Amino acid sequence: MTRDLHHTATGVLLPWPDLDRHHGPWPEGVDVHMWDGTTPGTEPADDVLASVGLWVMPYAVPDAVDLLPKLPNLRAVQSLSAGVEKLAPLMPAGVTLHNGRGLHDASTAEHALGLILAAQRDLAQWVADQGAGRWEPHFTRSLADARVTIVGYGSIGAALERRLLACEADVVRVARRARPDEGVHAVADLPALLPETDIVVLVLPENPHTVGMFGAEELAALPDGALVVNVGRGRTLDTGALLAETRSGRLRAALDVTDPEPLPAEHPLRHAPGVLLTPHVAGGSAAFRPRAERLIVEQVRRFAAGEPLHHLFPRD
């Protein structure tokens, strides 16, 4: 199809039905259509696709992006993911991309906290003992009084910090650039910060600056017994370097994202001592859907009113 950037398309394509039942009627002048992206052969008809100016992409449906070339009058795409670095280069000229900033903050922060507590309090061992009929109590590490360095301090990092402080941890904030007025260190400060870190949490997006950013040198700077947590993107952490440190027993890890992903069934990281894995589920909790619905409704309202949409992802 030929893209007509001057066409005023008033249609909206959403992944979920009946949002107006829970959030009030749609604005006048907007035609709302549904497509969840999960059932082959159910794409809307060509005339509907031609009418779509705003597309809210289905969440966690990778193949949904194949619909982009079939939307000739598209003006804006709303992703329900916070990280859209891989999606951004696929945007046609004249189409804005908006991410799901904030939708996964609570879920991801909860999951990160759960990984930390599970690792610090040996929950995997207690579960194994339960199944084996063992009763062998021992002292464990604690989160209280631990120094936790959050690398990639943004909205998710802030949500995690609030939970860590409630657990009496000491939190160190790190971002790409220092923000002294917010007490945020620069990534360049990591060599001085890591030797005093008990737990490091990576909440990094994937981009040319972050791929492989946390590698052998950074891991070597951590003290013996430190815990490495990753709830950002798998490729920001060097898997080979982490495997060497965990196989030796020097470091531990709790990972929701990995490189490669999905992690193959026989990957050695699955069997390394002190490694706890979950399958990229940190953002997927009951807290996500209500937040996503509210964002969708607000974005449709803004689209209908000709107002700028929230969470514009900048083009390079």
C-alpha atoms as a PDB file:
ATOM      1  CA  MET A   1       0.000   0.000   0.000  1.00  0.00           C
ATOM      2  CA  THR A   2       1.102   3.570  -0.632  1.00  0.00           C
ATOM      3  CA  ARG A   3       1.283   5.686   2.486  1.00  0.00           C
ATOM      4  CA  ASP A   4      -0.725   8.924   2.294  1.00  0.00           C
ATOM      5  CA  LEU A   5       0.618  11.150   5.046  1.00  0.00           C
ATOM      6  CA  HIS A   6      -1.912  13.866   4.246  1.00  0.00           C
ATOM      7  CA  HIS A   7      -4.919  11.631   4.773  1.00  0.00           C
ATOM      8  CA  THR A   8      -6.769  12.274   8.024  1.00  0.00           C
ATOM      9  CA  ALA A   9      -7.377   8.802   9.380  1.00  0.00           C
ATOM     10  CA  THR A  10      -9.739   8.769  12.356  1.00  0.00           C
ATOM     11  CA  GLY A  11      -9.732   5.054  13.037  1.00  0.00           C
ATOM     12  CA  VAL A  12      -8.153   3.512  16.117  1.00  0.00           C
ATOM     13  CA  LEU A  13      -7.030  -0.101  16.299  1.00  0.00           C
ATOM     14  CA  LEU A  14      -6.962  -1.569  19.819  1.00  0.00           C
ATOM     15  CA  PRO A  15      -5.921  -4.974  21.196  1.00  0.00           C
ATOM     16  CA  TRP A  16      -8.741  -5.313  23.755  1.00  0.00           C
ATOM     17  CA  PRO A  17     -12.521  -4.981  23.393  1.00  0.00           C
ATOM     18  CA  ASP A  18     -15.068  -3.269  25.618  1.00  0.00           C
ATOM     19  CA  LEU A  19     -12.811  -0.641  27.171  1.00  0.00           C
ATOM     20  CA  ASP A  20     -15.625   1.862  26.752  1.00  0.00           C
ATOM     21  CA  ARG A  21     -17.814  -0.241  29.060  1.00  0.00           C
ATOM     22  CA  HIS A  22     -15.383   0.284  31.898  1.00  0.00           C
ATOM     23  CA  HIS A  23     -14.000   3.718  31.085  1.00  0.00           C
ATOM     24  CA  GLY A  24     -16.853   5.564  29.412  1.00  0.00           C
ATOM     25  CA  PRO A  25     -17.830   6.129  25.770  1.00  0.00           C
ATOM     26  CA  TRP A  26     -15.254   6.787  23.080  1.00  0.00           C
ATOM     27  CA  PRO A  27     -14.920  10.360  21.809  1.00  0.00           C
ATOM     28  CA  GLU A  28     -17.139  11.384  18.922  1.00  0.00           C
ATOM     29  CA  GLY A  29     -15.624  11.090  15.475  1.00  0.00           C
ATOM     30  CA  VAL A  30     -13.392   8.141  16.332  1.00  0.00           C
ATOM     31  CA  ASP A  31     -14.011   4.688  14.863  1.00  0.00           C
ATOM     32  CA  VAL A  32     -12.665   2.008  17.187  1.00  0.00           C
ATOM     33  CA  HIS A  33     -11.667  -1.413  15.846  1.00  0.00           C
ATOM     34  CA  MET A  34     -10.203  -4.481  17.551  1.00  0.00           C
ATOM     35  CA  TRP A  35      -7.356  -6.849  16.714  1.00  0.00           C
ATOM     36  CA  ASP A  36      -5.469  -8.837  19.336  1.00  0.00           C
ATOM     37  CA  GLY A  37      -2.848 -10.202  16.956  1.00  0.00           C
ATOM     38  CA  THR A  38      -3.032 -13.733  18.315  1.00  0.00           C
ATOM     39  CA  THR A  39      -5.297 -15.497  15.810  1.00  0.00           C
ATOM     40  CA  PRO A  40      -4.034 -15.996  12.215  1.00  0.00           C
ATOM     41  CA  GLY A  41      -6.363 -14.809   9.509  1.00  0.00           C
ATOM     42  CA  THR A  42      -8.282 -12.371  11.694  1.00  0.00           C
ATOM     43  CA  GLU A  43      -6.711  -9.134  10.482  1.00  0.00           C
ATOM     44  CA  PRO A  44      -9.239  -6.355   9.841  1.00  0.00           C
ATOM     45  CA  ALA A  45     -10.389  -5.750   6.289  1.00  0.00           C
ATOM     46  CA  ASP A  46      -8.357  -3.465   4.032  1.00  0.00           C
ATOM     47  CA  ASP A  47     -10.829  -0.594   4.332  1.00  0.00           C
ATOM     48  CA  VAL A  48     -10.561  -0.742   8.128  1.00  0.00           C
ATOM     49  CA  LEU A  49      -6.766  -0.854   7.994  1.00  0.00           C
ATOM     50  CA  ALA A  50      -6.789   2.150   5.669  1.00  0.00           C
ATOM     51  CA  SER A  51      -8.839   4.100   8.221  1.00  0.00           C
ATOM     52  CA  VAL A  52      -6.445   3.557  11.131  1.00  0.00           C
ATOM     53  CA  GLY A  53      -4.525   6.600  12.329  1.00  0.00           C
ATOM     54  CA  LEU A  54      -3.636   5.289  15.816  1.00  0.00           C
ATOM     55  CA  TRP A  55      -2.609   1.703  16.472  1.00  0.00           C
ATOM     56  CA  VAL A  56      -2.237   0.350  19.996  1.00  0.00           C
ATOM     57  CA  MET A  57      -0.116  -2.733  19.444  1.00  0.00           C
ATOM     58  CA  PRO A  58      -0.989  -6.035  21.144  1.00  0.00           C
ATOM     59  CA  TYR A  59       1.274  -6.717  24.107  1.00  0.00           C
ATOM     60  CA  ALA A  60       3.857  -9.503  23.880  1.00  0.00           C
ATOM     61  CA  VAL A  61       2.860 -10.514  20.323  1.00  0.00           C
ATOM     62  CA  PRO A  62       6.132 -10.206  18.363  1.00  0.00           C
ATOM     63  CA  ASP A  63       4.589 -10.943  14.958  1.00  0.00           C
ATOM     64  CA  ALA A  64       2.083  -8.124  15.337  1.00  0.00           C
ATOM     65  CA  VAL A  65       4.643  -5.749  13.868  1.00  0.00           C
ATOM     66  CA  ASP A  66       4.016  -7.389  10.484  1.00  0.00           C
ATOM     67  CA  LEU A  67       0.808  -5.345  10.297  1.00  0.00           C
ATOM     68  CA  LEU A  68       2.718  -2.064   9.969  1.00  0.00           C
ATOM     69  CA  PRO A  69       3.036  -2.076   6.148  1.00  0.00           C
ATOM     70  CA  LYS A  70      -0.711  -2.675   5.881  1.00  0.00           C
ATOM     71  CA  LEU A  71      -1.635   0.576   7.659  1.00  0.00           C
ATOM     72  CA  PRO A  72      -1.192   3.190   4.910  1.00  0.00           C
ATOM     73  CA  ASN A  73      -2.546   6.177   6.839  1.00  0.00           C
ATOM     74  CA  LEU A  74      -1.059   5.448  10.234  1.00  0.00           C
ATOM     75  CA  ARG A  75       0.070   8.479  12.231  1.00  0.00           C
ATOM     76  CA  ALA A  76       0.940   7.053  15.659  1.00  0.00           C
ATOM     77  CA  VAL A  77       1.795   3.719  17.265  1.00  0.00           C
ATOM     78  CA  GLN A  78       1.314   3.092  20.969  1.00  0.00           C
ATOM     79  CA  SER A  79       3.364   0.215  22.369  1.00  0.00           C
ATOM     80  CA  LEU A  80       2.423  -1.304  25.711  1.00  0.00           C
ATOM     81  CA  SER A  81       6.080  -2.156  26.341  1.00  0.00           C
ATOM     82  CA  ALA A  82       8.445   0.242  28.059  1.00  0.00           C
ATOM     83  CA  GLY A  83      11.383  -0.797  25.877  1.00  0.00           C
ATOM     84  CA  VAL A  84      10.796  -0.023  22.197  1.00  0.00           C
ATOM     85  CA  GLU A  85      14.376   0.239  20.928  1.00  0.00           C
ATOM     86  CA  LYS A  86      13.908  -2.623  18.447  1.00  0.00           C
ATOM     87  CA  LEU A  87      10.537  -1.316  17.295  1.00  0.00           C
ATOM     88  CA  ALA A  88      11.649   2.259  16.657  1.00  0.00           C
ATOM     89  CA  PRO A  89      13.664   1.548  13.450  1.00  0.00           C
ATOM     90  CA  LEU A  90      10.611  -0.121  11.923  1.00  0.00           C
ATOM     91  CA  MET A  91       8.436   2.973  12.130  1.00  0.00           C
ATOM     92  CA  PRO A  92       7.490   4.380   8.703  1.00  0.00           C
ATOM     93  CA  ALA A  93       8.296   7.998   7.948  1.00  0.00           C
ATOM     94  CA  GLY A  94       5.833  10.369   9.560  1.00  0.00           C
ATOM     95  CA  VAL A  95       4.647   7.867  12.175  1.00  0.00           C
ATOM     96  CA  THR A  96       5.323   8.646  15.826  1.00  0.00           C
ATOM     97  CA  LEU A  97       6.093   5.925  18.369  1.00  0.00           C
ATOM     98  CA  HIS A  98       4.915   6.075  21.978  1.00  0.00           C
ATOM     99  CA  ASN A  99       6.094   3.645  24.634  1.00  0.00           C
ATOM    100  CA  GLY A 100       4.439   2.172  27.703  1.00  0.00           C
ATOM    101  CA  ARG A 101       6.483   4.083  30.235  1.00  0.00           C
ATOM    102  CA  GLY A 102       5.138   3.501  33.721  1.00  0.00           C
ATOM    103  CA  LEU A 103       2.893   0.558  32.864  1.00  0.00           C
ATOM    104  CA  HIS A 104       5.363  -2.027  34.159  1.00  0.00           C
ATOM    105  CA  ASP A 105       6.987  -0.095  36.995  1.00  0.00           C
ATOM    106  CA  ALA A 106       5.100  -1.747  39.839  1.00  0.00           C
ATOM    107  CA  SER A 107       5.196  -5.243  38.318  1.00  0.00           C
ATOM    108  CA  THR A 108       8.896  -5.115  37.467  1.00  0.00           C
ATOM    109  CA  ALA A 109       9.851  -3.592  40.808  1.00  0.00           C
ATOM    110  CA  GLU A 110       7.867  -6.263  42.653  1.00  0.00           C
ATOM    111  CA  HIS A 111       9.517  -9.019  40.643  1.00  0.00           C
ATOM    112  CA  ALA A 112      12.992  -7.600  41.168  1.00  0.00           C
ATOM    113  CA  LEU A 113      12.339  -7.404  44.884  1.00  0.00           C
ATOM    114  CA  GLY A 114      11.051 -10.977  44.833  1.00  0.00           C
ATOM    115  CA  LEU A 115      14.178 -12.203  43.046  1.00  0.00           C
ATOM    116  CA  ILE A 116      16.388 -10.394  45.540  1.00  0.00           C
ATOM    117  CA  LEU A 117      14.552 -11.756  48.581  1.00  0.00           C
ATOM    118  CA  ALA A 118      14.457 -15.272  47.129  1.00  0.00           C
ATOM    119  CA  ALA A 119      18.207 -15.197  46.510  1.00  0.00           C
ATOM    120  CA  GLN A 120      19.130 -13.579  49.808  1.00  0.00           C
ATOM    121  CA  ARG A 121      16.947 -15.911  51.895  1.00  0.00           C
ATOM    122  CA  ASP A 122      17.738 -19.134  49.966  1.00  0.00           C
ATOM    123  CA  LEU A 123      14.106 -19.753  48.972  1.00  0.00           C
ATOM    124  CA  ALA A 124      15.120 -22.092  46.142  1.00  0.00           C
ATOM    125  CA  GLN A 125      16.919 -24.295  48.662  1.00  0.00           C
ATOM    126  CA  TRP A 126      13.936 -24.338  51.022  1.00  0.00           C
ATOM    127  CA  VAL A 127      11.634 -25.334  48.136  1.00  0.00           C
ATOM    128  CA  ALA A 128      13.996 -28.166  47.192  1.00  0.00           C
ATOM    129  CA  ASP A 129      14.153 -29.276  50.831  1.00  0.00           C
ATOM    130  CA  GLN A 130      10.356 -29.269  51.046  1.00  0.00           C
ATOM    131  CA  GLY A 131      10.092 -31.620  48.074  1.00  0.00           C
ATOM    132  CA  ALA A 132      12.855 -33.854  49.401  1.00  0.00           C
ATOM    133  CA  GLY A 133      11.437 -34.047  52.924  1.00  0.00           C
ATOM    134  CA  ARG A 134      14.483 -32.375  54.462  1.00  0.00           C
ATOM    135  CA  TRP A 135      14.460 -30.119  57.534  1.00  0.00           C
ATOM    136  CA  GLU A 136      17.873 -28.458  57.631  1.00  0.00           C
ATOM    137  CA  PRO A 137      17.635 -24.869  58.891  1.00  0.00           C
ATOM    138  CA  HIS A 138      20.576 -22.495  58.488  1.00  0.00           C
ATOM    139  CA  PHE A 139      21.281 -18.789  58.623  1.00  0.00           C
ATOM    140  CA  THR A 140      20.972 -16.854  55.352  1.00  0.00           C
ATOM    141  CA  ARG A 141      21.913 -13.497  53.954  1.00  0.00           C
ATOM    142  CA  SER A 142      19.519 -10.568  54.380  1.00  0.00           C
ATOM    143  CA  LEU A 143      18.305  -7.624  52.350  1.00  0.00           C
ATOM    144  CA  ALA A 144      18.271  -5.374  55.392  1.00  0.00           C
ATOM    145  CA  ASP A 145      21.514  -3.373  55.604  1.00  0.00           C
ATOM    146  CA  ALA A 146      22.640  -4.604  52.159  1.00  0.00           C
ATOM    147  CA  ARG A 147      23.935  -2.025  49.689  1.00  0.00           C
ATOM    148  CA  VAL A 148      21.939  -2.267  46.446  1.00  0.00           C
ATOM    149  CA  THR A 149      23.221  -0.462  43.352  1.00  0.00           C
ATOM    150  CA  ILE A 150      20.533   0.162  40.731  1.00  0.00           C
ATOM    151  CA  VAL A 151      22.102   0.574  37.292  1.00  0.00           C
ATOM    152  CA  GLY A 152      19.663   2.272  34.924  1.00  0.00           C
ATOM    153  CA  TYR A 153      17.863   4.430  37.443  1.00  0.00           C
ATOM    154  CA  GLY A 154      14.595   5.574  35.883  1.00  0.00           C
ATOM    155  CA  SER A 155      10.942   5.112  36.772  1.00  0.00           C
ATOM    156  CA  ILE A 156      11.318   1.355  37.364  1.00  0.00           C
ATOM    157  CA  GLY A 157      14.453   1.950  39.401  1.00  0.00           C
ATOM    158  CA  ALA A 158      12.620   4.516  41.508  1.00  0.00           C
ATOM    159  CA  ALA A 159       9.749   2.086  42.094  1.00  0.00           C
ATOM    160  CA  LEU A 160      12.228  -0.585  43.142  1.00  0.00           C
ATOM    161  CA  GLU A 161      14.050   1.846  45.410  1.00  0.00           C
ATOM    162  CA  ARG A 162      10.868   2.570  47.371  1.00  0.00           C
ATOM    163  CA  ARG A 163      10.434  -1.125  48.038  1.00  0.00           C
ATOM    164  CA  LEU A 164      14.094  -1.644  48.934  1.00  0.00           C
ATOM    165  CA  LEU A 165      14.054   1.208  51.410  1.00  0.00           C
ATOM    166  CA  ALA A 166      11.043  -0.362  53.099  1.00  0.00           C
ATOM    167  CA  CYS A 167      13.247  -3.448  53.555  1.00  0.00           C
ATOM    168  CA  GLU A 168      15.958  -1.282  55.177  1.00  0.00           C
ATOM    169  CA  ALA A 169      18.436  -1.599  52.322  1.00  0.00           C
ATOM    170  CA  ASP A 170      20.946   1.090  51.349  1.00  0.00           C
ATOM    171  CA  VAL A 171      20.302   2.165  47.734  1.00  0.00           C
ATOM    172  CA  VAL A 172      22.809   3.639  45.274  1.00  0.00           C
ATOM    173  CA  ARG A 173      21.437   5.205  42.060  1.00  0.00           C
ATOM    174  CA  VAL A 174      23.302   4.965  38.754  1.00  0.00           C
ATOM    175  CA  ALA A 175      22.293   6.236  35.305  1.00  0.00           C
ATOM    176  CA  ARG A 176      24.057   6.912  32.033  1.00  0.00           C
ATOM    177  CA  ARG A 177      24.712  10.488  33.128  1.00  0.00           C
ATOM    178  CA  ALA A 178      25.101  11.858  36.627  1.00  0.00           C
ATOM    179  CA  ARG A 179      22.189  13.836  38.084  1.00  0.00           C
ATOM    180  CA  PRO A 180      23.750  15.342  41.198  1.00  0.00           C
ATOM    181  CA  ASP A 181      20.575  17.140  42.247  1.00  0.00           C
ATOM    182  CA  GLU A 182      18.840  13.724  42.407  1.00  0.00           C
ATOM    183  CA  GLY A 183      21.751  11.854  43.962  1.00  0.00           C
ATOM    184  CA  VAL A 184      22.297   9.830  40.798  1.00  0.00           C
ATOM    185  CA  HIS A 185      25.802   8.669  39.882  1.00  0.00           C
ATOM    186  CA  ALA A 186      27.059   8.263  36.323  1.00  0.00           C
ATOM    187  CA  VAL A 187      27.868   4.862  34.819  1.00  0.00           C
ATOM    188  CA  ALA A 188      31.463   6.067  34.748  1.00  0.00           C
ATOM    189  CA  ASP A 189      31.415   5.894  38.563  1.00  0.00           C
ATOM    190  CA  LEU A 190      30.765   2.131  38.625  1.00  0.00           C
ATOM    191  CA  PRO A 191      34.427   1.112  39.158  1.00  0.00           C
ATOM    192  CA  ALA A 192      34.361   2.985  42.464  1.00  0.00           C
ATOM    193  CA  LEU A 193      30.840   1.848  43.447  1.00  0.00           C
ATOM    194  CA  LEU A 194      30.860  -1.867  42.623  1.00  0.00           C
ATOM    195  CA  PRO A 195      33.465  -3.012  45.180  1.00  0.00           C
ATOM    196  CA  GLU A 196      31.125  -1.751  47.925  1.00  0.00           C
ATOM    197  CA  THR A 197      27.995  -3.299  46.382  1.00  0.00           C
ATOM    198  CA  ASP A 198      26.222  -6.342  47.832  1.00  0.00           C
ATOM    199  CA  ILE A 199      23.507  -6.497  45.175  1.00  0.00           C
ATOM    200  CA  VAL A 200      23.567  -4.898  41.722  1.00  0.00           C
ATOM    201  CA  VAL A 201      20.295  -4.577  39.815  1.00  0.00           C
ATOM    202  CA  LEU A 202      20.376  -3.925  36.068  1.00  0.00           C
ATOM    203  CA  VAL A 203      17.331  -2.074  34.730  1.00  0.00           C
ATOM    204  CA  LEU A 204      18.905  -1.070  31.433  1.00  0.00           C
ATOM    205  CA  PRO A 205      17.286  -0.645  28.018  1.00  0.00           C
ATOM    206  CA  GLU A 206      18.966  -2.238  25.023  1.00  0.00           C
ATOM    207  CA  ASN A 207      20.756   0.213  22.755  1.00  0.00           C
ATOM    208  CA  PRO A 208      24.259   0.602  21.285  1.00  0.00           C
ATOM    209  CA  HIS A 209      25.486   2.112  24.548  1.00  0.00           C
ATOM    210  CA  THR A 210      24.234  -0.695  26.805  1.00  0.00           C
ATOM    211  CA  VAL A 211      24.768  -3.968  24.901  1.00  0.00           C
ATOM    212  CA  GLY A 212      27.462  -5.846  26.823  1.00  0.00           C
ATOM    213  CA  MET A 213      27.870  -2.903  29.175  1.00  0.00           C
ATOM    214  CA  PHE A 214      28.030  -5.098  32.253  1.00  0.00           C
ATOM    215  CA  GLY A 215      30.800  -7.526  31.477  1.00  0.00           C
ATOM    216  CA  ALA A 216      33.816  -9.301  32.928  1.00  0.00           C
ATOM    217  CA  GLU A 217      35.439  -6.121  34.262  1.00  0.00           C
ATOM    218  CA  GLU A 218      32.310  -4.976  36.082  1.00  0.00           C
ATOM    219  CA  LEU A 219      31.606  -8.439  37.479  1.00  0.00           C
ATOM    220  CA  ALA A 220      35.189  -8.775  38.670  1.00  0.00           C
ATOM    221  CA  ALA A 221      34.810  -5.505  40.581  1.00  0.00           C
ATOM    222  CA  LEU A 222      32.000  -6.940  42.721  1.00  0.00           C
ATOM    223  CA  PRO A 223      32.928  -8.498  46.070  1.00  0.00           C
ATOM    224  CA  ASP A 224      32.726 -12.236  46.670  1.00  0.00           C
ATOM    225  CA  GLY A 225      29.162 -13.418  47.220  1.00  0.00           C
ATOM    226  CA  ALA A 226      27.530 -10.416  45.523  1.00  0.00           C
ATOM    227  CA  LEU A 227      24.197 -10.905  43.768  1.00  0.00           C
ATOM    228  CA  VAL A 228      23.652  -9.812  40.138  1.00  0.00           C
ATOM    229  CA  VAL A 229      20.022  -9.141  39.222  1.00  0.00           C
ATOM    230  CA  ASN A 230      18.830  -8.341  35.696  1.00  0.00           C
ATOM    231  CA  VAL A 231      15.261  -7.207  34.988  1.00  0.00           C
ATOM    232  CA  GLY A 232      16.146  -4.951  32.037  1.00  0.00           C
ATOM    233  CA  ARG A 233      17.406  -6.519  28.817  1.00  0.00           C
ATOM    234  CA  GLY A 234      19.415  -9.725  28.542  1.00  0.00           C
ATOM    235  CA  ARG A 235      22.091  -8.436  26.164  1.00  0.00           C
ATOM    236  CA  THR A 236      23.212  -5.723  28.588  1.00  0.00           C
ATOM    237  CA  LEU A 237      24.856  -8.434  30.703  1.00  0.00           C
ATOM    238  CA  ASP A 238      27.691 -10.575  29.320  1.00  0.00           C
ATOM    239  CA  THR A 239      26.395 -14.130  29.718  1.00  0.00           C
ATOM    240  CA  GLY A 240      29.796 -15.766  29.293  1.00  0.00           C
ATOM    241  CA  ALA A 241      31.400 -13.580  31.930  1.00  0.00           C
ATOM    242  CA  LEU A 242      28.502 -14.155  34.325  1.00  0.00           C
ATOM    243  CA  LEU A 243      28.660 -17.896  33.751  1.00  0.00           C
ATOM    244  CA  ALA A 244      32.352 -17.936  34.636  1.00  0.00           C
ATOM    245  CA  GLU A 245      31.717 -16.063  37.891  1.00  0.00           C
ATOM    246  CA  THR A 246      28.711 -18.168  38.949  1.00  0.00           C
ATOM    247  CA  ARG A 247      30.267 -21.499  38.013  1.00  0.00           C
ATOM    248  CA  SER A 248      33.166 -20.688  40.290  1.00  0.00           C
ATOM    249  CA  GLY A 249      30.720 -19.875  43.081  1.00  0.00           C
ATOM    250  CA  ARG A 250      32.133 -16.370  43.507  1.00  0.00           C
ATOM    251  CA  LEU A 251      28.989 -14.528  42.421  1.00  0.00           C
ATOM    252  CA  ARG A 252      25.285 -15.309  42.445  1.00  0.00           C
ATOM    253  CA  ALA A 253      22.608 -14.222  39.966  1.00  0.00           C
ATOM    254  CA  ALA A 254      18.844 -13.743  39.759  1.00  0.00           C
ATOM    255  CA  LEU A 255      17.745 -13.118  36.185  1.00  0.00           C
ATOM    256  CA  ASP A 256      14.409 -12.404  34.543  1.00  0.00           C
ATOM    257  CA  VAL A 257      16.066 -11.672  31.181  1.00  0.00           C
ATOM    258  CA  THR A 258      18.893 -13.555  29.501  1.00  0.00           C
ATOM    259  CA  ASP A 259      21.072 -13.650  26.421  1.00  0.00           C
ATOM    260  CA  PRO A 260      20.080 -15.702  24.483  1.00  0.00           C
ATOM    261  CA  GLU A 261      16.367 -15.513  25.113  1.00  0.00           C
ATOM    262  CA  PRO A 262      14.522 -17.787  25.442  1.00  0.00           C
ATOM    263  CA  LEU A 263      17.336 -19.551  27.245  1.00  0.00           C
ATOM    264  CA  PRO A 264      17.846 -23.019  25.658  1.00  0.00           C
ATOM    265  CA  ALA A 265      16.820 -25.950  27.822  1.00  0.00           C
ATOM    266  CA  GLU A 266      20.378 -27.221  28.164  1.00  0.00           C
ATOM    267  CA  HIS A 267      22.116 -23.873  28.530  1.00  0.00           C
ATOM    268  CA  PRO A 268      24.780 -24.111  31.269  1.00  0.00           C
ATOM    269  CA  LEU A 269      23.420 -21.012  32.993  1.00  0.00           C
ATOM    270  CA  ARG A 270      20.385 -23.080  33.995  1.00  0.00           C
ATOM    271  CA  HIS A 271      22.608 -25.364  36.036  1.00  0.00           C
ATOM    272  CA  ALA A 272      25.135 -22.898  37.455  1.00  0.00           C
ATOM    273  CA  PRO A 273      25.208 -22.757  41.243  1.00  0.00           C
ATOM    274  CA  GLY A 274      23.527 -19.785  42.859  1.00  0.00           C
ATOM    275  CA  VAL A 275      21.553 -18.816  39.734  1.00  0.00           C
ATOM    276  CA  LEU A 276      17.806 -18.182  39.879  1.00  0.00           C
ATOM    277  CA  LEU A 277      15.945 -17.765  36.560  1.00  0.00           C
ATOM    278  CA  THR A 278      12.479 -16.577  35.577  1.00  0.00           C
ATOM    279  CA  PRO A 279      11.298 -16.416  31.910  1.00  0.00           C
ATOM    280  CA  HIS A 280      11.018 -12.651  31.246  1.00  0.00           C
ATOM    281  CA  VAL A 281       7.844 -12.232  33.275  1.00  0.00           C
ATOM    282  CA  ALA A 282       8.710  -9.276  35.505  1.00  0.00           C
ATOM    283  CA  GLY A 283       6.328  -6.901  33.744  1.00  0.00           C
ATOM    284  CA  GLY A 284       3.445  -9.354  33.468  1.00  0.00           C
ATOM    285  CA  SER A 285       1.346  -9.127  36.595  1.00  0.00           C
ATOM    286  CA  ALA A 286      -2.223  -8.147  37.439  1.00  0.00           C
ATOM    287  CA  ALA A 287      -1.029  -4.571  37.962  1.00  0.00           C
ATOM    288  CA  PHE A 288      -0.303  -4.159  34.240  1.00  0.00           C
ATOM    289  CA  ARG A 289      -3.745  -4.400  32.638  1.00  0.00           C
ATOM    290  CA  PRO A 290      -5.548  -1.629  34.594  1.00  0.00           C
ATOM    291  CA  ARG A 291      -2.657   0.772  33.992  1.00  0.00           C
ATOM    292  CA  ALA A 292      -2.540  -0.114  30.309  1.00  0.00           C
ATOM    293  CA  GLU A 293      -6.279   0.396  29.915  1.00  0.00           C
ATOM    294  CA  ARG A 294      -6.103   3.849  31.456  1.00  0.00           C
ATOM    295  CA  LEU A 295      -3.244   4.811  29.135  1.00  0.00           C
ATOM    296  CA  ILE A 296      -5.083   3.531  26.055  1.00  0.00           C
ATOM    297  CA  VAL A 297      -8.223   5.462  26.927  1.00  0.00           C
ATOM    298  CA  GLU A 298      -6.258   8.652  27.506  1.00  0.00           C
ATOM    299  CA  GLN A 299      -4.292   8.260  24.278  1.00  0.00           C
ATOM    300  CA  VAL A 300      -7.491   7.735  22.267  1.00  0.00           C
ATOM    301  CA  ARG A 301      -8.981  10.847  23.867  1.00  0.00           C
ATOM    302  CA  ARG A 302      -5.887  12.872  22.971  1.00  0.00           C
ATOM    303  CA  PHE A 303      -5.824  11.471  19.445  1.00  0.00           C
ATOM    304  CA  ALA A 304      -9.462  12.454  18.926  1.00  0.00           C
ATOM    305  CA  ALA A 305      -8.825  15.947  20.275  1.00  0.00           C
ATOM    306  CA  GLY A 306      -5.724  16.463  18.152  1.00  0.00           C
ATOM    307  CA  GLU A 307      -3.539  16.734  21.270  1.00  0.00           C
ATOM    308  CA  PRO A 308       0.026  15.356  21.554  1.00  0.00           C
ATOM    309  CA  LEU A 309       0.111  11.779  22.785  1.00  0.00           C
ATOM    310  CA  HIS A 310       1.972  10.828  25.941  1.00  0.00           C
ATOM    311  CA  HIS A 311       5.364   9.089  26.027  1.00  0.00           C
ATOM    312  CA  LEU A 312       6.763  10.048  22.646  1.00  0.00           C
ATOM    313  CA  PHE A 313       9.858   7.958  21.880  1.00  0.00           C
ATOM    314  CA  PRO A 314      12.435  10.207  20.230  1.00  0.00           C
ATOM    315  CA  ARG A 315      13.925   9.298  16.886  1.00  0.00           C
ATOM    316  CA  ASP A 316      17.716   9.439  16.572  1.00  0.00           C
END
